[in-house]
């Protein structure tokens, strides 16, 4: 609650908290399904980039004396999401340049 109150204000805290939670849940489910894995990884990267951006601009790397744990975990999720996208990039509907 503290993080979303700092980022979105007390009026929008619940929308940010629930909205990001839904985004994370959808990403996790998509990652578990082989045909949609790459889309889940892309969604996960987008959601976590928002968290990293919030840490770097509003919250700071260390939040409530956590020693930077949340920020480090967010960076790990971003790296793993990017790895999944790279591994499964052939599943993306991108046009080939050839």
N, C-alpha and C. Protein backbone atom coordinates (compact mmCIF):
# COMPACT_ATOMS: atom_id res chain seq x y z
N UNK A 1 0.83 -1.18 0.00
CA UNK A 1 0.00 0.00 0.00
C UNK A 1 0.88 1.25 0.00
N UNK A 2 1.95 1.24 0.78
CA UNK A 2 2.83 2.40 0.88
C UNK A 2 3.38 2.80 -0.49
N UNK A 3 3.88 1.81 -1.23
CA UNK A 3 4.51 2.11 -2.53
C UNK A 3 3.50 2.75 -3.47
N UNK A 4 2.31 2.18 -3.57
CA UNK A 4 1.32 2.71 -4.51
C UNK A 4 0.75 4.04 -4.04
N UNK A 5 0.74 4.28 -2.74
CA UNK A 5 0.32 5.59 -2.24
C UNK A 5 1.35 6.64 -2.64
N UNK A 6 2.63 6.28 -2.56
CA UNK A 6 3.69 7.21 -2.95
C UNK A 6 3.67 7.49 -4.45
N UNK A 7 3.40 6.46 -5.24
CA UNK A 7 3.45 6.59 -6.70
C UNK A 7 2.21 7.27 -7.25
N UNK A 8 1.03 6.83 -6.79
CA UNK A 8 -0.23 7.28 -7.41
C UNK A 8 -1.04 8.20 -6.51
N UNK A 9 -0.67 8.36 -5.27
CA UNK A 9 -1.45 9.16 -4.35
C UNK A 9 -2.51 8.31 -3.67
N UNK A 10 -3.01 8.78 -2.53
CA UNK A 10 -3.98 7.97 -1.77
C UNK A 10 -5.28 7.70 -2.52
N UNK A 11 -5.66 8.61 -3.42
CA UNK A 11 -6.92 8.44 -4.14
C UNK A 11 -6.83 7.31 -5.17
N UNK A 12 -5.66 7.11 -5.75
CA UNK A 12 -5.49 6.14 -6.84
C UNK A 12 -4.71 4.89 -6.42
N UNK A 13 -4.36 4.81 -5.15
CA UNK A 13 -3.53 3.70 -4.66
C UNK A 13 -4.13 2.34 -4.99
N UNK A 14 -5.41 2.16 -4.73
CA UNK A 14 -6.02 0.84 -4.96
C UNK A 14 -6.05 0.48 -6.44
N UNK A 15 -6.27 1.46 -7.30
CA UNK A 15 -6.28 1.18 -8.74
C UNK A 15 -4.89 0.74 -9.21
N UNK A 16 -3.86 1.40 -8.75
CA UNK A 16 -2.50 1.03 -9.13
C UNK A 16 -2.11 -0.34 -8.60
N UNK A 17 -2.45 -0.59 -7.35
CA UNK A 17 -2.11 -1.87 -6.72
C UNK A 17 -2.84 -3.03 -7.39
N UNK A 18 -4.14 -2.88 -7.57
CA UNK A 18 -4.94 -3.95 -8.17
C UNK A 18 -4.62 -4.08 -9.66
N UNK A 19 -4.46 -2.95 -10.34
CA UNK A 19 -4.14 -2.99 -11.77
C UNK A 19 -2.82 -3.67 -12.06
N UNK A 20 -1.79 -3.34 -11.29
CA UNK A 20 -0.49 -3.98 -11.53
C UNK A 20 -0.55 -5.45 -11.14
N UNK A 21 -1.31 -5.76 -10.11
CA UNK A 21 -1.47 -7.17 -9.72
C UNK A 21 -2.15 -7.99 -10.80
N UNK A 22 -3.17 -7.42 -11.42
CA UNK A 22 -3.85 -8.11 -12.53
C UNK A 22 -2.88 -8.29 -13.70
N UNK A 23 -2.12 -7.24 -14.01
CA UNK A 23 -1.13 -7.35 -15.09
C UNK A 23 -0.11 -8.44 -14.82
N UNK A 24 0.37 -8.51 -13.58
CA UNK A 24 1.34 -9.54 -13.21
C UNK A 24 0.73 -10.93 -13.29
N UNK A 25 -0.52 -11.07 -12.84
CA UNK A 25 -1.20 -12.37 -12.88
C UNK A 25 -1.41 -12.84 -14.31
N UNK A 26 -1.88 -11.94 -15.17
CA UNK A 26 -2.08 -12.29 -16.58
C UNK A 26 -0.75 -12.69 -17.22
N UNK A 27 0.30 -11.94 -16.93
CA UNK A 27 1.62 -12.27 -17.49
C UNK A 27 2.07 -13.65 -17.03
N UNK A 28 1.88 -13.96 -15.76
CA UNK A 28 2.29 -15.26 -15.23
C UNK A 28 1.52 -16.40 -15.89
N UNK A 29 0.21 -16.23 -16.05
CA UNK A 29 -0.60 -17.27 -16.70
C UNK A 29 -0.16 -17.45 -18.15
N UNK A 30 0.06 -16.35 -18.86
CA UNK A 30 0.50 -16.44 -20.25
C UNK A 30 1.85 -17.14 -20.37
N UNK A 31 2.74 -16.90 -19.43
CA UNK A 31 4.06 -17.54 -19.45
C UNK A 31 3.94 -19.05 -19.25
N UNK A 32 2.96 -19.48 -18.49
CA UNK A 32 2.78 -20.91 -18.23
C UNK A 32 2.22 -21.67 -19.43
N UNK A 33 1.60 -20.98 -20.36
CA UNK A 33 1.01 -21.61 -21.54
C UNK A 33 2.02 -21.50 -22.69
N UNK A 34 2.51 -22.63 -23.20
CA UNK A 34 3.57 -22.58 -24.21
C UNK A 34 3.27 -21.69 -25.42
N UNK A 35 2.06 -21.70 -25.94
CA UNK A 35 1.74 -20.91 -27.13
C UNK A 35 1.72 -19.41 -26.86
N UNK A 36 1.54 -19.00 -25.60
CA UNK A 36 1.45 -17.58 -25.28
C UNK A 36 2.63 -17.10 -24.43
N UNK A 37 3.62 -17.97 -24.26
CA UNK A 37 4.75 -17.66 -23.38
C UNK A 37 5.44 -16.34 -23.73
N UNK A 38 5.69 -16.10 -25.00
CA UNK A 38 6.40 -14.89 -25.41
C UNK A 38 5.57 -13.65 -25.10
N UNK A 39 4.25 -13.74 -25.23
CA UNK A 39 3.39 -12.59 -24.93
C UNK A 39 3.38 -12.31 -23.42
N UNK A 40 3.40 -13.36 -22.62
CA UNK A 40 3.50 -13.18 -21.18
C UNK A 40 4.80 -12.53 -20.78
N UNK A 41 5.88 -12.92 -21.45
CA UNK A 41 7.18 -12.33 -21.16
C UNK A 41 7.22 -10.86 -21.53
N UNK A 42 6.61 -10.52 -22.66
CA UNK A 42 6.54 -9.10 -23.07
C UNK A 42 5.72 -8.31 -22.06
N UNK A 43 4.56 -8.84 -21.68
CA UNK A 43 3.71 -8.16 -20.69
C UNK A 43 4.44 -8.02 -19.36
N UNK A 44 5.12 -9.06 -18.94
CA UNK A 44 5.89 -9.02 -17.70
C UNK A 44 6.95 -7.92 -17.75
N UNK A 45 7.64 -7.82 -18.86
CA UNK A 45 8.68 -6.78 -19.01
C UNK A 45 8.07 -5.39 -18.94
N UNK A 46 6.91 -5.21 -19.57
CA UNK A 46 6.26 -3.89 -19.55
C UNK A 46 5.85 -3.52 -18.13
N UNK A 47 5.22 -4.47 -17.43
CA UNK A 47 4.77 -4.20 -16.05
C UNK A 47 5.97 -3.90 -15.16
N UNK A 48 7.02 -4.69 -15.27
CA UNK A 48 8.16 -4.50 -14.38
C UNK A 48 8.96 -3.26 -14.73
N UNK A 49 8.95 -2.85 -16.00
CA UNK A 49 9.59 -1.58 -16.36
C UNK A 49 8.90 -0.42 -15.65
N UNK A 50 7.59 -0.50 -15.49
CA UNK A 50 6.87 0.52 -14.72
C UNK A 50 7.33 0.56 -13.28
N UNK A 51 7.54 -0.62 -12.70
CA UNK A 51 8.02 -0.68 -11.32
C UNK A 51 9.43 -0.12 -11.20
N UNK A 52 10.30 -0.49 -12.12
CA UNK A 52 11.68 0.01 -12.10
C UNK A 52 11.70 1.52 -12.30
N UNK A 53 10.89 2.02 -13.23
CA UNK A 53 10.80 3.46 -13.45
C UNK A 53 10.35 4.18 -12.17
N UNK A 54 9.37 3.61 -11.48
CA UNK A 54 8.89 4.21 -10.22
C UNK A 54 9.99 4.24 -9.18
N UNK A 55 10.77 3.16 -9.11
CA UNK A 55 11.88 3.13 -8.15
C UNK A 55 12.91 4.20 -8.48
N UNK A 56 13.21 4.36 -9.75
CA UNK A 56 14.27 5.29 -10.14
C UNK A 56 13.84 6.75 -10.08
N UNK A 57 12.54 7.02 -10.16
CA UNK A 57 12.08 8.42 -10.21
C UNK A 57 11.39 8.89 -8.95
N UNK A 58 10.64 8.03 -8.28
CA UNK A 58 9.82 8.47 -7.15
C UNK A 58 10.25 7.83 -5.84
N UNK A 59 10.38 6.52 -5.84
CA UNK A 59 10.55 5.77 -4.60
C UNK A 59 11.99 5.72 -4.09
N UNK A 60 12.91 5.62 -5.01
CA UNK A 60 14.30 5.35 -4.64
C UNK A 60 14.54 3.85 -4.69
N UNK A 61 15.79 3.48 -4.73
CA UNK A 61 16.14 2.06 -4.82
C UNK A 61 15.80 1.35 -3.52
N UNK A 62 16.05 1.97 -2.40
CA UNK A 62 15.72 1.39 -1.10
C UNK A 62 14.38 1.95 -0.64
N UNK A 63 13.43 1.05 -0.37
CA UNK A 63 12.09 1.46 0.07
C UNK A 63 11.85 0.87 1.46
N UNK A 64 11.55 1.73 2.40
CA UNK A 64 11.26 1.31 3.77
C UNK A 64 12.33 0.37 4.33
N UNK A 65 13.58 0.75 4.16
CA UNK A 65 14.72 -0.01 4.69
C UNK A 65 14.77 -1.46 4.21
N UNK A 66 14.36 -1.72 2.96
CA UNK A 66 14.40 -3.09 2.44
C UNK A 66 15.77 -3.44 1.86
N UNK A 67 16.70 -2.50 1.90
CA UNK A 67 18.03 -2.75 1.38
C UNK A 67 18.08 -2.86 -0.14
N UNK A 68 17.03 -2.41 -0.79
CA UNK A 68 16.98 -2.48 -2.25
C UNK A 68 16.46 -3.81 -2.79
N UNK A 69 15.91 -4.64 -1.91
CA UNK A 69 15.45 -5.97 -2.32
C UNK A 69 14.40 -5.90 -3.41
N UNK A 70 13.39 -5.06 -3.26
CA UNK A 70 12.34 -4.96 -4.28
C UNK A 70 12.90 -4.52 -5.62
N UNK A 71 13.81 -3.57 -5.60
CA UNK A 71 14.42 -3.08 -6.84
C UNK A 71 15.25 -4.18 -7.50
N UNK A 72 16.03 -4.90 -6.72
CA UNK A 72 16.85 -5.99 -7.26
C UNK A 72 15.97 -7.08 -7.86
N UNK A 73 14.89 -7.44 -7.15
CA UNK A 73 13.98 -8.46 -7.68
C UNK A 73 13.32 -7.99 -8.98
N UNK A 74 12.98 -6.72 -9.05
CA UNK A 74 12.39 -6.18 -10.28
C UNK A 74 13.39 -6.28 -11.43
N UNK A 75 14.64 -5.98 -11.16
CA UNK A 75 15.67 -6.09 -12.21
C UNK A 75 15.85 -7.53 -12.66
N UNK A 76 15.80 -8.47 -11.72
CA UNK A 76 15.90 -9.89 -12.07
C UNK A 76 14.73 -10.31 -12.95
N UNK A 77 13.52 -9.88 -12.58
CA UNK A 77 12.34 -10.21 -13.40
C UNK A 77 12.49 -9.64 -14.80
N UNK A 78 13.00 -8.42 -14.92
CA UNK A 78 13.19 -7.81 -16.24
C UNK A 78 14.19 -8.62 -17.08
N UNK A 79 15.29 -9.02 -16.48
CA UNK A 79 16.30 -9.81 -17.21
C UNK A 79 15.71 -11.15 -17.65
N UNK A 80 14.98 -11.82 -16.76
CA UNK A 80 14.39 -13.12 -17.11
C UNK A 80 13.30 -12.97 -18.16
N UNK A 81 12.52 -11.91 -18.08
CA UNK A 81 11.49 -11.65 -19.10
C UNK A 81 12.14 -11.41 -20.46
N UNK A 82 13.20 -10.63 -20.46
CA UNK A 82 13.92 -10.36 -21.72
C UNK A 82 14.52 -11.65 -22.28
N UNK A 83 15.03 -12.50 -21.40
CA UNK A 83 15.58 -13.79 -21.85
C UNK A 83 14.50 -14.65 -22.49
N UNK A 84 13.32 -14.69 -21.87
CA UNK A 84 12.21 -15.45 -22.45
C UNK A 84 11.81 -14.90 -23.81
N UNK A 85 11.77 -13.59 -23.93
CA UNK A 85 11.43 -12.98 -25.22
C UNK A 85 12.47 -13.37 -26.27
N UNK A 86 13.74 -13.32 -25.92
CA UNK A 86 14.79 -13.69 -26.87
C UNK A 86 14.71 -15.17 -27.26
N UNK A 87 14.48 -16.02 -26.28
CA UNK A 87 14.40 -17.45 -26.55
C UNK A 87 13.22 -17.78 -27.46
N UNK A 88 12.09 -17.10 -27.24
CA UNK A 88 10.86 -17.41 -27.98
C UNK A 88 10.51 -16.34 -29.01
N UNK A 89 11.49 -15.56 -29.45
CA UNK A 89 11.21 -14.46 -30.38
C UNK A 89 10.62 -14.93 -31.70
N UNK A 90 10.86 -16.17 -32.08
CA UNK A 90 10.29 -16.68 -33.33
C UNK A 90 8.77 -16.81 -33.24
N UNK A 91 8.22 -16.81 -32.03
CA UNK A 91 6.77 -16.89 -31.84
C UNK A 91 6.08 -15.53 -31.97
N UNK A 92 6.86 -14.46 -32.04
CA UNK A 92 6.29 -13.13 -32.21
C UNK A 92 5.88 -12.92 -33.66
N UNK A 93 4.74 -12.29 -33.88
CA UNK A 93 4.27 -12.09 -35.26
C UNK A 93 4.92 -10.87 -35.92
N UNK A 94 6.23 -10.89 -36.03
CA UNK A 94 6.96 -9.78 -36.64
C UNK A 94 7.30 -10.14 -38.07
N UNK A 95 7.24 -9.15 -38.94
CA UNK A 95 7.59 -9.38 -40.34
C UNK A 95 9.09 -9.52 -40.48
N UNK A 96 9.49 -10.44 -41.29
CA UNK A 96 10.91 -10.65 -41.57
C UNK A 96 11.38 -9.61 -42.58
N UNK A 97 12.62 -9.19 -42.47
CA UNK A 97 13.15 -8.19 -43.40
C UNK A 97 13.60 -8.82 -44.72
N UNK A 98 13.56 -10.14 -44.82
CA UNK A 98 14.00 -10.80 -46.06
C UNK A 98 12.89 -11.08 -47.03
